[in-house]
């Protein structure tokens, strides 16, 4: 199982980026997926999660600015990030929940079994 995150980069405050996470080694349409981020000197934190059904949830810090989505035909999950702020600067990681057809949203790191390598997002002021 491999997750490849991409789409990070340098953007000015107020700008947008779209992150992608391509999964391989398994069909992930039955699994919840999530995005986390880790800013310099801080712990990794939850950003967004999407269920196998397509329902999504977002952390309060990004709600209304970020949107998680998925394309099961491409085994890919996306994170559309708008109105970016300097405090959004972090390495963003995608992850896959361990169990298929899970019923709850998952916002904790330990709930995810597989992780990508991360992609760096830098927002300048």
PDB file of N, CA and C in Angstrom:
ATOM      1  N   UNK A   1       0.853  -1.186   0.000  1.00  0.00           N
ATOM      2  CA  UNK A   1       0.000   0.000   0.000  1.00  0.00           C
ATOM      3  C   UNK A   1       0.891   1.241   0.000  1.00  0.00           C
ATOM      4  N   UNK A   2       0.644   2.117  -0.951  1.00  0.00           N
ATOM      5  CA  UNK A   2       1.426   3.361  -1.023  1.00  0.00           C
ATOM      6  C   UNK A   2       0.508   4.541  -1.236  1.00  0.00           C
ATOM      7  N   UNK A   3       0.837   5.648  -0.593  1.00  0.00           N
ATOM      8  CA  UNK A   3       0.130   6.901  -0.776  1.00  0.00           C
ATOM      9  C   UNK A   3       1.129   7.954  -1.230  1.00  0.00           C
ATOM     10  N   UNK A   4       0.813   8.619  -2.323  1.00  0.00           N
ATOM     11  CA  UNK A   4       1.705   9.630  -2.871  1.00  0.00           C
ATOM     12  C   UNK A   4       0.994  10.967  -2.872  1.00  0.00           C
ATOM     13  N   UNK A   5       1.451  11.849  -1.984  1.00  0.00           N
ATOM     14  CA  UNK A   5       0.869  13.180  -1.904  1.00  0.00           C
ATOM     15  C   UNK A   5       1.626  14.135  -2.804  1.00  0.00           C
ATOM     16  N   UNK A   6       0.905  15.069  -3.404  1.00  0.00           N
ATOM     17  CA  UNK A   6       1.518  16.054  -4.274  1.00  0.00           C
ATOM     18  C   UNK A   6       0.681  17.313  -4.289  1.00  0.00           C
ATOM     19  N   UNK A   7       1.229  18.366  -4.907  1.00  0.00           N
ATOM     20  CA  UNK A   7       0.478  19.601  -5.056  1.00  0.00           C
ATOM     21  C   UNK A   7       0.900  20.721  -4.143  1.00  0.00           C
ATOM     22  N   UNK A   8       1.810  20.443  -3.223  1.00  0.00           N
ATOM     23  CA  UNK A   8       2.281  21.492  -2.327  1.00  0.00           C
ATOM     24  C   UNK A   8       3.142  22.499  -3.055  1.00  0.00           C
ATOM     25  N   UNK A   9       3.447  23.594  -2.374  1.00  0.00           N
ATOM     26  CA  UNK A   9       4.286  24.611  -2.968  1.00  0.00           C
ATOM     27  C   UNK A   9       4.217  25.889  -2.180  1.00  0.00           C
ATOM     28  N   UNK A  10       4.756  26.940  -2.792  1.00  0.00           N
ATOM     29  CA  UNK A  10       4.777  28.270  -2.178  1.00  0.00           C
ATOM     30  C   UNK A  10       3.664  29.118  -2.778  1.00  0.00           C
ATOM     31  N   UNK A  11       2.871  29.723  -1.921  1.00  0.00           N
ATOM     32  CA  UNK A  11       1.754  30.544  -2.387  1.00  0.00           C
ATOM     33  C   UNK A  11       1.624  31.755  -1.469  1.00  0.00           C
ATOM     34  N   UNK A  12       1.129  32.846  -2.003  1.00  0.00           N
ATOM     35  CA  UNK A  12       0.904  34.031  -1.187  1.00  0.00           C
ATOM     36  C   UNK A  12      -0.388  33.890  -0.387  1.00  0.00           C
ATOM     37  N   UNK A  13      -0.438  34.588   0.706  1.00  0.00           N
ATOM     38  CA  UNK A  13      -1.653  34.600   1.520  1.00  0.00           C
ATOM     39  C   UNK A  13      -2.843  35.013   0.660  1.00  0.00           C
ATOM     40  N   UNK A  14      -3.940  34.311   0.836  1.00  0.00           N
ATOM     41  CA  UNK A  14      -5.130  34.545   0.042  1.00  0.00           C
ATOM     42  C   UNK A  14      -5.224  33.676  -1.189  1.00  0.00           C
ATOM     43  N   UNK A  15      -4.142  32.987  -1.507  1.00  0.00           N
ATOM     44  CA  UNK A  15      -4.110  32.137  -2.678  1.00  0.00           C
ATOM     45  C   UNK A  15      -4.706  30.767  -2.439  1.00  0.00           C
ATOM     46  N   UNK A  16      -4.606  29.914  -3.460  1.00  0.00           N
ATOM     47  CA  UNK A  16      -5.198  28.575  -3.411  1.00  0.00           C
ATOM     48  C   UNK A  16      -4.198  27.524  -3.875  1.00  0.00           C
ATOM     49  N   UNK A  17      -4.385  26.336  -3.368  1.00  0.00           N
ATOM     50  CA  UNK A  17      -3.651  25.160  -3.824  1.00  0.00           C
ATOM     51  C   UNK A  17      -4.589  23.967  -3.755  1.00  0.00           C
ATOM     52  N   UNK A  18      -4.324  22.968  -4.583  1.00  0.00           N
ATOM     53  CA  UNK A  18      -5.061  21.714  -4.475  1.00  0.00           C
ATOM     54  C   UNK A  18      -4.063  20.587  -4.284  1.00  0.00           C
ATOM     55  N   UNK A  19      -4.186  19.913  -3.188  1.00  0.00           N
ATOM     56  CA  UNK A  19      -3.354  18.757  -2.911  1.00  0.00           C
ATOM     57  C   UNK A  19      -4.035  17.495  -3.428  1.00  0.00           C
ATOM     58  N   UNK A  20      -3.209  16.561  -3.870  1.00  0.00           N
ATOM     59  CA  UNK A  20      -3.702  15.264  -4.314  1.00  0.00           C
ATOM     60  C   UNK A  20      -2.987  14.165  -3.553  1.00  0.00           C
ATOM     61  N   UNK A  21      -3.675  13.071  -3.371  1.00  0.00           N
ATOM     62  CA  UNK A  21      -3.083  11.907  -2.726  1.00  0.00           C
ATOM     63  C   UNK A  21      -3.538  10.681  -3.516  1.00  0.00           C
ATOM     64  N   UNK A  22      -2.601  10.101  -4.238  1.00  0.00           N
ATOM     65  CA  UNK A  22      -2.901   8.931  -5.052  1.00  0.00           C
ATOM     66  C   UNK A  22      -2.531   7.670  -4.287  1.00  0.00           C
ATOM     67  N   UNK A  23      -3.486   6.759  -4.207  1.00  0.00           N
ATOM     68  CA  UNK A  23      -3.273   5.514  -3.482  1.00  0.00           C
ATOM     69  C   UNK A  23      -3.038   4.371  -4.455  1.00  0.00           C
ATOM     70  N   UNK A  24      -2.174   3.469  -4.081  1.00  0.00           N
ATOM     71  CA  UNK A  24      -1.920   2.288  -4.912  1.00  0.00           C
ATOM     72  C   UNK A  24      -1.704   1.079  -4.019  1.00  0.00           C
ATOM     73  N   UNK A  25      -1.866  -0.084  -4.603  1.00  0.00           N
ATOM     74  CA  UNK A  25      -1.690  -1.308  -3.844  1.00  0.00           C
ATOM     75  C   UNK A  25      -2.983  -1.879  -3.311  1.00  0.00           C
ATOM     76  N   UNK A  26      -4.032  -1.107  -3.410  1.00  0.00           N
ATOM     77  CA  UNK A  26      -5.337  -1.559  -2.935  1.00  0.00           C
ATOM     78  C   UNK A  26      -6.382  -0.615  -3.511  1.00  0.00           C
ATOM     79  N   UNK A  27      -7.595  -1.096  -3.640  1.00  0.00           N
ATOM     80  CA  UNK A  27      -8.706  -0.221  -4.010  1.00  0.00           C
ATOM     81  C   UNK A  27      -9.259   0.409  -2.749  1.00  0.00           C
ATOM     82  N   UNK A  28      -9.260   1.738  -2.701  1.00  0.00           N
ATOM     83  CA  UNK A  28      -9.600   2.447  -1.476  1.00  0.00           C
ATOM     84  C   UNK A  28     -11.023   2.990  -1.442  1.00  0.00           C
ATOM     85  N   UNK A  29     -11.838   2.611  -2.384  1.00  0.00           N
ATOM     86  CA  UNK A  29     -13.186   3.169  -2.434  1.00  0.00           C
ATOM     87  C   UNK A  29     -14.010   2.815  -1.205  1.00  0.00           C
ATOM     88  N   UNK A  30     -13.628   1.767  -0.496  1.00  0.00           N
ATOM     89  CA  UNK A  30     -14.384   1.334   0.685  1.00  0.00           C
ATOM     90  C   UNK A  30     -13.826   1.898   1.987  1.00  0.00           C
ATOM     91  N   UNK A  31     -12.782   2.723   1.883  1.00  0.00           N
ATOM     92  CA  UNK A  31     -12.064   3.193   3.072  1.00  0.00           C
ATOM     93  C   UNK A  31     -12.158   4.701   3.243  1.00  0.00           C
ATOM     94  N   UNK A  32     -12.262   5.112   4.505  1.00  0.00           N
ATOM     95  CA  UNK A  32     -12.185   6.526   4.813  1.00  0.00           C
ATOM     96  C   UNK A  32     -10.745   7.011   4.623  1.00  0.00           C
ATOM     97  N   UNK A  33     -10.618   8.269   4.236  1.00  0.00           N
ATOM     98  CA  UNK A  33      -9.294   8.847   4.052  1.00  0.00           C
ATOM     99  C   UNK A  33      -9.242  10.203   4.728  1.00  0.00           C
ATOM    100  N   UNK A  34      -8.037  10.637   5.064  1.00  0.00           N
ATOM    101  CA  UNK A  34      -7.913  11.888   5.780  1.00  0.00           C
ATOM    102  C   UNK A  34      -6.673  12.674   5.411  1.00  0.00           C
ATOM    103  N   UNK A  35      -6.693  13.938   5.767  1.00  0.00           N
ATOM    104  CA  UNK A  35      -5.539  14.817   5.641  1.00  0.00           C
ATOM    105  C   UNK A  35      -5.176  15.355   7.025  1.00  0.00           C
ATOM    106  N   UNK A  36      -3.891  15.344   7.309  1.00  0.00           N
ATOM    107  CA  UNK A  36      -3.348  15.937   8.522  1.00  0.00           C
ATOM    108  C   UNK A  36      -2.238  16.896   8.107  1.00  0.00           C
ATOM    109  N   UNK A  37      -1.814  17.733   9.045  1.00  0.00           N
ATOM    110  CA  UNK A  37      -0.691  18.619   8.746  1.00  0.00           C
ATOM    111  C   UNK A  37       0.168  18.797   9.989  1.00  0.00           C
ATOM    112  N   UNK A  38       1.428  19.115   9.735  1.00  0.00           N
ATOM    113  CA  UNK A  38       2.364  19.349  10.824  1.00  0.00           C
ATOM    114  C   UNK A  38       3.181  20.591  10.513  1.00  0.00           C
ATOM    115  N   UNK A  39       2.969  21.616  11.316  1.00  0.00           N
ATOM    116  CA  UNK A  39       3.723  22.854  11.177  1.00  0.00           C
ATOM    117  C   UNK A  39       5.054  22.728  11.918  1.00  0.00           C
ATOM    118  N   UNK A  40       6.037  23.537  11.549  1.00  0.00           N
ATOM    119  CA  UNK A  40       7.343  23.464  12.219  1.00  0.00           C
ATOM    120  C   UNK A  40       7.206  23.643  13.728  1.00  0.00           C
ATOM    121  N   UNK A  41       7.773  22.715  14.474  1.00  0.00           N
ATOM    122  CA  UNK A  41       7.764  22.798  15.922  1.00  0.00           C
ATOM    123  C   UNK A  41       6.454  22.439  16.579  1.00  0.00           C
ATOM    124  N   UNK A  42       5.510  21.940  15.792  1.00  0.00           N
ATOM    125  CA  UNK A  42       4.195  21.609  16.360  1.00  0.00           C
ATOM    126  C   UNK A  42       3.853  20.155  16.088  1.00  0.00           C
ATOM    127  N   UNK A  43       2.848  19.681  16.800  1.00  0.00           N
ATOM    128  CA  UNK A  43       2.389  18.321  16.594  1.00  0.00           C
ATOM    129  C   UNK A  43       1.511  18.240  15.343  1.00  0.00           C
ATOM    130  N   UNK A  44       1.433  17.039  14.815  1.00  0.00           N
ATOM    131  CA  UNK A  44       0.573  16.831  13.657  1.00  0.00           C
ATOM    132  C   UNK A  44      -0.886  16.993  14.083  1.00  0.00           C
ATOM    133  N   UNK A  45      -1.667  17.639  13.221  1.00  0.00           N
ATOM    134  CA  UNK A  45      -3.065  17.891  13.562  1.00  0.00           C
ATOM    135  C   UNK A  45      -3.988  17.500  12.417  1.00  0.00           C
ATOM    136  N   UNK A  46      -5.191  17.192  12.778  1.00  0.00           N
ATOM    137  CA  UNK A  46      -6.232  16.815  11.822  1.00  0.00           C
ATOM    138  C   UNK A  46      -6.644  18.020  10.985  1.00  0.00           C
ATOM    139  N   UNK A  47      -6.858  17.771   9.697  1.00  0.00           N
ATOM    140  CA  UNK A  47      -7.336  18.818   8.794  1.00  0.00           C
ATOM    141  C   UNK A  47      -8.715  18.470   8.247  1.00  0.00           C
ATOM    142  N   UNK A  48      -8.833  17.290   7.651  1.00  0.00           N
ATOM    143  CA  UNK A  48     -10.100  16.913   7.024  1.00  0.00           C
ATOM    144  C   UNK A  48     -10.152  15.408   6.840  1.00  0.00           C
ATOM    145  N   UNK A  49     -11.364  14.884   6.755  1.00  0.00           N
ATOM    146  CA  UNK A  49     -11.559  13.460   6.517  1.00  0.00           C
ATOM    147  C   UNK A  49     -12.745  13.278   5.599  1.00  0.00           C
ATOM    148  N   UNK A  50     -12.689  12.208   4.823  1.00  0.00           N
ATOM    149  CA  UNK A  50     -13.805  11.890   3.932  1.00  0.00           C
ATOM    150  C   UNK A  50     -14.114  10.414   4.050  1.00  0.00           C
ATOM    151  N   UNK A  51     -15.386  10.111   4.170  1.00  0.00           N
ATOM    152  CA  UNK A  51     -15.801   8.736   4.319  1.00  0.00           C
ATOM    153  C   UNK A  51     -15.877   8.040   2.957  1.00  0.00           C
ATOM    154  N   UNK A  52     -15.949   6.733   3.016  1.00  0.00           N
ATOM    155  CA  UNK A  52     -16.071   5.947   1.791  1.00  0.00           C
ATOM    156  C   UNK A  52     -17.326   6.363   1.016  1.00  0.00           C
ATOM    157  N   UNK A  53     -18.324   6.877   1.755  1.00  0.00           N
ATOM    158  CA  UNK A  53     -19.576   7.305   1.134  1.00  0.00           C
ATOM    159  C   UNK A  53     -19.460   8.666   0.459  1.00  0.00           C
ATOM    160  N   UNK A  54     -18.376   9.396   0.753  1.00  0.00           N
ATOM    161  CA  UNK A  54     -18.195  10.720   0.169  1.00  0.00           C
ATOM    162  C   UNK A  54     -18.467  11.862   1.131  1.00  0.00           C
ATOM    163  N   UNK A  55     -19.023  11.569   2.296  1.00  0.00           N
ATOM    164  CA  UNK A  55     -19.272  12.613   3.289  1.00  0.00           C
ATOM    165  C   UNK A  55     -17.948  13.094   3.878  1.00  0.00           C
ATOM    166  N   UNK A  56     -17.866  14.409   4.081  1.00  0.00           N
ATOM    167  CA  UNK A  56     -16.611  14.972   4.570  1.00  0.00           C
ATOM    168  C   UNK A  56     -16.794  15.750   5.854  1.00  0.00           C
ATOM    169  N   UNK A  57     -15.688  15.923   6.580  1.00  0.00           N
ATOM    170  CA  UNK A  57     -15.669  16.777   7.756  1.00  0.00           C
ATOM    171  C   UNK A  57     -14.338  17.509   7.781  1.00  0.00           C
ATOM    172  N   UNK A  58     -14.331  18.706   8.353  1.00  0.00           N
ATOM    173  CA  UNK A  58     -13.147  19.544   8.338  1.00  0.00           C
ATOM    174  C   UNK A  58     -12.886  20.118   9.730  1.00  0.00           C
ATOM    175  N   UNK A  59     -11.629  20.334  10.038  1.00  0.00           N
ATOM    176  CA  UNK A  59     -11.281  20.985  11.293  1.00  0.00           C
ATOM    177  C   UNK A  59     -11.822  22.413  11.291  1.00  0.00           C
ATOM    178  N   UNK A  60     -12.130  22.907  12.463  1.00  0.00           N
ATOM    179  CA  UNK A  60     -12.686  24.266  12.562  1.00  0.00           C
ATOM    180  C   UNK A  60     -11.740  25.310  11.986  1.00  0.00           C
ATOM    181  N   UNK A  61     -10.448  25.065  12.100  1.00  0.00           N
ATOM    182  CA  UNK A  61      -9.457  26.042  11.629  1.00  0.00           C
ATOM    183  C   UNK A  61      -9.456  26.200  10.108  1.00  0.00           C
ATOM    184  N   UNK A  62     -10.001  25.227   9.396  1.00  0.00           N
ATOM    185  CA  UNK A  62      -9.992  25.302   7.930  1.00  0.00           C
ATOM    186  C   UNK A  62     -11.392  25.287   7.339  1.00  0.00           C
ATOM    187  N   UNK A  63     -12.387  25.125   8.168  1.00  0.00           N
ATOM    188  CA  UNK A  63     -13.770  25.022   7.685  1.00  0.00           C
ATOM    189  C   UNK A  63     -14.159  26.281   6.917  1.00  0.00           C
ATOM    190  N   UNK A  64     -14.745  26.070   5.767  1.00  0.00           N
ATOM    191  CA  UNK A  64     -15.143  27.187   4.914  1.00  0.00           C
ATOM    192  C   UNK A  64     -14.060  27.623   3.945  1.00  0.00           C
ATOM    193  N   UNK A  65     -12.833  27.164   4.176  1.00  0.00           N
ATOM    194  CA  UNK A  65     -11.726  27.504   3.273  1.00  0.00           C
ATOM    195  C   UNK A  65     -11.190  26.280   2.540  1.00  0.00           C
ATOM    196  N   UNK A  66     -11.171  25.140   3.205  1.00  0.00           N
ATOM    197  CA  UNK A  66     -10.668  23.904   2.608  1.00  0.00           C
ATOM    198  C   UNK A  66     -11.840  22.979   2.315  1.00  0.00           C
ATOM    199  N   UNK A  67     -11.645  22.115   1.331  1.00  0.00           N
ATOM    200  CA  UNK A  67     -12.673  21.123   1.010  1.00  0.00           C
ATOM    201  C   UNK A  67     -12.009  19.828   0.579  1.00  0.00           C
ATOM    202  N   UNK A  68     -12.387  18.750   1.232  1.00  0.00           N
ATOM    203  CA  UNK A  68     -11.860  17.437   0.892  1.00  0.00           C
ATOM    204  C   UNK A  68     -12.817  16.764  -0.074  1.00  0.00           C
ATOM    205  N   UNK A  69     -12.260  16.033  -1.026  1.00  0.00           N
ATOM    206  CA  UNK A  69     -13.073  15.282  -1.970  1.00  0.00           C
ATOM    207  C   UNK A  69     -12.294  14.040  -2.392  1.00  0.00           C
ATOM    208  N   UNK A  70     -12.961  13.156  -3.120  1.00  0.00           N
ATOM    209  CA  UNK A  70     -12.292  11.947  -3.568  1.00  0.00           C
ATOM    210  C   UNK A  70     -12.813  11.546  -4.940  1.00  0.00           C
ATOM    211  N   UNK A  71     -11.954  10.846  -5.676  1.00  0.00           N
ATOM    212  CA  UNK A  71     -12.312  10.279  -6.967  1.00  0.00           C
ATOM    213  C   UNK A  71     -11.952   8.805  -6.876  1.00  0.00           C
ATOM    214  N   UNK A  72     -12.929   7.983  -6.636  1.00  0.00           N
ATOM    215  CA  UNK A  72     -12.665   6.560  -6.433  1.00  0.00           C
ATOM    216  C   UNK A  72     -12.156   5.879  -7.701  1.00  0.00           C
ATOM    217  N   UNK A  73     -12.567   6.362  -8.845  1.00  0.00           N
ATOM    218  CA  UNK A  73     -12.094   5.774 -10.098  1.00  0.00           C
ATOM    219  C   UNK A  73     -10.583   5.960 -10.247  1.00  0.00           C
ATOM    220  N   UNK A  74     -10.060   7.030  -9.659  1.00  0.00           N
ATOM    221  CA  UNK A  74      -8.626   7.314  -9.711  1.00  0.00           C
ATOM    222  C   UNK A  74      -7.918   6.947  -8.419  1.00  0.00           C
ATOM    223  N   UNK A  75      -8.658   6.401  -7.453  1.00  0.00           N
ATOM    224  CA  UNK A  75      -8.052   6.048  -6.160  1.00  0.00           C
ATOM    225  C   UNK A  75      -7.315   7.248  -5.565  1.00  0.00           C
ATOM    226  N   UNK A  76      -7.946   8.414  -5.656  1.00  0.00           N
ATOM    227  CA  UNK A  76      -7.283   9.656  -5.268  1.00  0.00           C
ATOM    228  C   UNK A  76      -8.196  10.483  -4.373  1.00  0.00           C
ATOM    229  N   UNK A  77      -7.590  11.111  -3.367  1.00  0.00           N
ATOM    230  CA  UNK A  77      -8.290  12.054  -2.515  1.00  0.00           C
ATOM    231  C   UNK A  77      -7.643  13.421  -2.706  1.00  0.00           C
ATOM    232  N   UNK A  78      -8.447  14.460  -2.649  1.00  0.00           N
ATOM    233  CA  UNK A  78      -7.989  15.819  -2.883  1.00  0.00           C
ATOM    234  C   UNK A  78      -8.259  16.704  -1.664  1.00  0.00           C
ATOM    235  N   UNK A  79      -7.484  17.757  -1.572  1.00  0.00           N
ATOM    236  CA  UNK A  79      -7.750  18.797  -0.584  1.00  0.00           C
ATOM    237  C   UNK A  79      -7.626  20.135  -1.295  1.00  0.00           C
ATOM    238  N   UNK A  80      -8.771  20.753  -1.554  1.00  0.00           N
ATOM    239  CA  UNK A  80      -8.786  22.077  -2.161  1.00  0.00           C
ATOM    240  C   UNK A  80      -8.638  23.096  -1.048  1.00  0.00           C
ATOM    241  N   UNK A  81      -7.621  23.931  -1.148  1.00  0.00           N
ATOM    242  CA  UNK A  81      -7.324  24.906  -0.098  1.00  0.00           C
ATOM    243  C   UNK A  81      -7.417  26.303  -0.683  1.00  0.00           C
ATOM    244  N   UNK A  82      -8.367  27.071  -0.181  1.00  0.00           N
ATOM    245  CA  UNK A  82      -8.579  28.442  -0.629  1.00  0.00           C
ATOM    246  C   UNK A  82      -8.317  29.411   0.520  1.00  0.00           C
ATOM    247  N   UNK A  83      -8.173  30.670   0.187  1.00  0.00           N
ATOM    248  CA  UNK A  83      -7.960  31.721   1.190  1.00  0.00           C
ATOM    249  C   UNK A  83      -6.867  31.318   2.175  1.00  0.00           C
ATOM    250  N   UNK A  84      -5.773  30.875   1.648  1.00  0.00           N
ATOM    251  CA  UNK A  84      -4.695  30.375   2.496  1.00  0.00           C
ATOM    252  C   UNK A  84      -4.098  31.469   3.365  1.00  0.00           C
ATOM    253  N   UNK A  85      -3.696  31.070   4.561  1.00  0.00           N
ATOM    254  CA  UNK A  85      -3.105  31.978   5.536  1.00  0.00           C
ATOM    255  C   UNK A  85      -1.691  31.503   5.889  1.00  0.00           C
ATOM    256  N   UNK A  86      -0.850  32.391   6.356  1.00  0.00           N
ATOM    257  CA  UNK A  86       0.495  31.950   6.762  1.00  0.00           C
ATOM    258  C   UNK A  86       0.470  30.823   7.787  1.00  0.00           C
ATOM    259  N   UNK A  87      -0.532  30.798   8.634  1.00  0.00           N
ATOM    260  CA  UNK A  87      -0.616  29.746   9.646  1.00  0.00           C
ATOM    261  C   UNK A  87      -1.003  28.396   9.061  1.00  0.00           C
ATOM    262  N   UNK A  88      -1.332  28.348   7.772  1.00  0.00           N
ATOM    263  CA  UNK A  88      -1.579  27.068   7.105  1.00  0.00           C
ATOM    264  C   UNK A  88      -0.272  26.416   6.650  1.00  0.00           C
ATOM    265  N   UNK A  89       0.826  27.109   6.796  1.00  0.00           N
ATOM    266  CA  UNK A  89       2.124  26.563   6.412  1.00  0.00           C
ATOM    267  C   UNK A  89       2.417  25.311   7.218  1.00  0.00           C
ATOM    268  N   UNK A  90       2.675  24.212   6.506  1.00  0.00           N
ATOM    269  CA  UNK A  90       2.900  22.924   7.162  1.00  0.00           C
ATOM    270  C   UNK A  90       3.218  21.879   6.107  1.00  0.00           C
ATOM    271  N   UNK A  91       3.650  20.730   6.580  1.00  0.00           N
ATOM    272  CA  UNK A  91       3.711  19.543   5.729  1.00  0.00           C
ATOM    273  C   UNK A  91       2.366  18.842   5.853  1.00  0.00           C
ATOM    274  N   UNK A  92       1.747  18.571   4.732  1.00  0.00           N
ATOM    275  CA  UNK A  92       0.428  17.954   4.709  1.00  0.00           C
ATOM    276  C   UNK A  92       0.566  16.474   4.361  1.00  0.00           C
ATOM    277  N   UNK A  93      -0.089  15.649   5.164  1.00  0.00           N
ATOM    278  CA  UNK A  93      -0.035  14.203   5.007  1.00  0.00           C
ATOM    279  C   UNK A  93      -1.422  13.652   4.717  1.00  0.00           C
ATOM    280  N   UNK A  94      -1.485  12.682   3.818  1.00  0.00           N
ATOM    281  CA  UNK A  94      -2.730  11.955   3.624  1.00  0.00           C
ATOM    282  C   UNK A  94      -2.618  10.586   4.283  1.00  0.00           C
ATOM    283  N   UNK A  95      -3.761  10.032   4.607  1.00  0.00           N
ATOM    284  CA  UNK A  95      -3.771   8.760   5.321  1.00  0.00           C
ATOM    285  C   UNK A  95      -5.040   7.997   5.009  1.00  0.00           C
ATOM    286  N   UNK A  96      -4.987   6.687   5.237  1.00  0.00           N
ATOM    287  CA  UNK A  96      -6.120   5.798   4.983  1.00  0.00           C
ATOM    288  C   UNK A  96      -6.497   5.074   6.273  1.00  0.00           C
ATOM    289  N   UNK A  97      -7.775   5.061   6.577  1.00  0.00           N
ATOM    290  CA  UNK A  97      -8.266   4.352   7.750  1.00  0.00           C
ATOM    291  C   UNK A  97      -8.104   2.850   7.574  1.00  0.00           C
ATOM    292  N   UNK A  98      -7.987   2.141   8.705  1.00  0.00           N
ATOM    293  CA  UNK A  98      -7.646   0.730   8.650  1.00  0.00           C
ATOM    294  C   UNK A  98      -8.795  -0.163   8.192  1.00  0.00           C
ATOM    295  N   UNK A  99     -10.037   0.212   8.473  1.00  0.00           N
ATOM    296  CA  UNK A  99     -11.161  -0.683   8.241  1.00  0.00           C
ATOM    297  C   UNK A  99     -12.057  -0.173   7.123  1.00  0.00           C
ATOM    298  N   UNK A 100     -12.605  -1.100   6.372  1.00  0.00           N
ATOM    299  CA  UNK A 100     -13.530  -0.759   5.303  1.00  0.00           C
ATOM    300  C   UNK A 100     -14.920  -0.472   5.872  1.00  0.00           C
ATOM    301  N   UNK A 101     -15.637   0.396   5.175  1.00  0.00           N
ATOM    302  CA  UNK A 101     -17.021   0.727   5.502  1.00  0.00           C
ATOM    303  C   UNK A 101     -17.192   1.160   6.960  1.00  0.00           C
ATOM    304  N   UNK A 102     -16.251   1.965   7.421  1.00  0.00           N
ATOM    305  CA  UNK A 102     -16.339   2.477   8.782  1.00  0.00           C
ATOM    306  C   UNK A 102     -17.535   3.406   8.920  1.00  0.00           C
ATOM    307  N   UNK A 103     -18.112   3.465  10.133  1.00  0.00           N
ATOM    308  CA  UNK A 103     -19.346   4.218  10.320  1.00  0.00           C
ATOM    309  C   UNK A 103     -19.112   5.627  10.856  1.00  0.00           C
ATOM    310  N   UNK A 104     -17.985   5.883  11.503  1.00  0.00           N
ATOM    311  CA  UNK A 104     -17.756   7.190  12.111  1.00  0.00           C
ATOM    312  C   UNK A 104     -16.688   7.979  11.360  1.00  0.00           C
ATOM    313  N   UNK A 105     -16.660   9.287  11.594  1.00  0.00           N
ATOM    314  CA  UNK A 105     -15.557  10.092  11.095  1.00  0.00           C
ATOM    315  C   UNK A 105     -14.333   9.849  11.979  1.00  0.00           C
ATOM    316  N   UNK A 106     -13.168   9.969  11.391  1.00  0.00           N
ATOM    317  CA  UNK A 106     -11.932   9.690  12.114  1.00  0.00           C
ATOM    318  C   UNK A 106     -11.032  10.910  12.071  1.00  0.00           C
ATOM    319  N   UNK A 107     -10.722  11.444  13.238  1.00  0.00           N
ATOM    320  CA  UNK A 107      -9.928  12.666  13.331  1.00  0.00           C
ATOM    321  C   UNK A 107      -8.639  12.472  14.116  1.00  0.00           C
ATOM    322  N   UNK A 108      -8.333  11.253  14.534  1.00  0.00           N
ATOM    323  CA  UNK A 108      -7.138  10.974  15.331  1.00  0.00           C
ATOM    324  C   UNK A 108      -6.125  10.199  14.506  1.00  0.00           C
ATOM    325  N   UNK A 109      -4.866  10.497  14.705  1.00  0.00           N
ATOM    326  CA  UNK A 109      -3.806   9.845  13.939  1.00  0.00           C
ATOM    327  C   UNK A 109      -3.840   8.331  14.062  1.00  0.00           C
ATOM    328  N   UNK A 110      -4.089   7.843  15.269  1.00  0.00           N
ATOM    329  CA  UNK A 110      -3.998   6.397  15.495  1.00  0.00           C
ATOM    330  C   UNK A 110      -5.086   5.611  14.766  1.00  0.00           C
ATOM    331  N   UNK A 111      -6.074   6.318  14.257  1.00  0.00           N
ATOM    332  CA  UNK A 111      -7.156   5.655  13.542  1.00  0.00           C
ATOM    333  C   UNK A 111      -6.799   5.338  12.096  1.00  0.00           C
ATOM    334  N   UNK A 112      -5.656   5.819  11.670  1.00  0.00           N
ATOM    335  CA  UNK A 112      -5.244   5.643  10.285  1.00  0.00           C
ATOM    336  C   UNK A 112      -4.077   4.665  10.198  1.00  0.00           C
ATOM    337  N   UNK A 113      -4.174   3.754   9.221  1.00  0.00           N
ATOM    338  CA  UNK A 113      -3.185   2.678   9.132  1.00  0.00           C
ATOM    339  C   UNK A 113      -2.050   2.987   8.160  1.00  0.00           C
ATOM    340  N   UNK A 114      -2.338   3.724   7.122  1.00  0.00           N
ATOM    341  CA  UNK A 114      -1.331   3.983   6.092  1.00  0.00           C
ATOM    342  C   UNK A 114      -1.188   5.483   5.887  1.00  0.00           C
ATOM    343  N   UNK A 115       0.060   5.908   5.689  1.00  0.00           N
ATOM    344  CA  UNK A 115       0.357   7.329   5.563  1.00  0.00           C
ATOM    345  C   UNK A 115       1.231   7.602   4.341  1.00  0.00           C
ATOM    346  N   UNK A 116       0.984   8.745   3.721  1.00  0.00           N
ATOM    347  CA  UNK A 116       1.846   9.209   2.654  1.00  0.00           C
ATOM    348  C   UNK A 116       3.065   9.933   3.213  1.00  0.00           C
ATOM    349  N   UNK A 117       3.926  10.379   2.315  1.00  0.00           N
ATOM    350  CA  UNK A 117       5.188  10.971   2.742  1.00  0.00           C
ATOM    351  C   UNK A 117       5.066  12.450   3.067  1.00  0.00           C
ATOM    352  N   UNK A 118       3.996  13.073   2.691  1.00  0.00           N
ATOM    353  CA  UNK A 118       3.801  14.489   2.980  1.00  0.00           C
ATOM    354  C   UNK A 118       4.208  15.394   1.837  1.00  0.00           C
ATOM    355  N   UNK A 119       3.538  16.524   1.760  1.00  0.00           N
ATOM    356  CA  UNK A 119       3.865  17.543   0.777  1.00  0.00           C
ATOM    357  C   UNK A 119       3.859  18.905   1.483  1.00  0.00           C
ATOM    358  N   UNK A 120       4.865  19.715   1.218  1.00  0.00           N
ATOM    359  CA  UNK A 120       5.054  20.961   1.939  1.00  0.00           C
ATOM    360  C   UNK A 120       4.245  22.086   1.312  1.00  0.00           C
ATOM    361  N   UNK A 121       3.490  22.767   2.153  1.00  0.00           N
ATOM    362  CA  UNK A 121       2.750  23.964   1.754  1.00  0.00           C
ATOM    363  C   UNK A 121       3.324  25.141   2.533  1.00  0.00           C
ATOM    364  N   UNK A 122       3.751  26.155   1.811  1.00  0.00           N
ATOM    365  CA  UNK A 122       4.285  27.358   2.439  1.00  0.00           C
ATOM    366  C   UNK A 122       3.471  28.548   1.978  1.00  0.00           C
ATOM    367  N   UNK A 123       2.911  29.270   2.932  1.00  0.00           N
ATOM    368  CA  UNK A 123       2.086  30.432   2.623  1.00  0.00           C
ATOM    369  C   UNK A 123       2.814  31.675   3.118  1.00  0.00           C
ATOM    370  N   UNK A 124       3.134  32.554   2.195  1.00  0.00           N
ATOM    371  CA  UNK A 124       3.858  33.779   2.553  1.00  0.00           C
ATOM    372  C   UNK A 124       2.885  34.915   2.810  1.00  0.00           C
ATOM    373  N   UNK A 125       3.277  35.789   3.705  1.00  0.00           N
ATOM    374  CA  UNK A 125       2.397  36.919   4.059  1.00  0.00           C
ATOM    375  C   UNK A 125       2.646  38.131   3.166  1.00  0.00           C
TER     376      UNK A 125
END
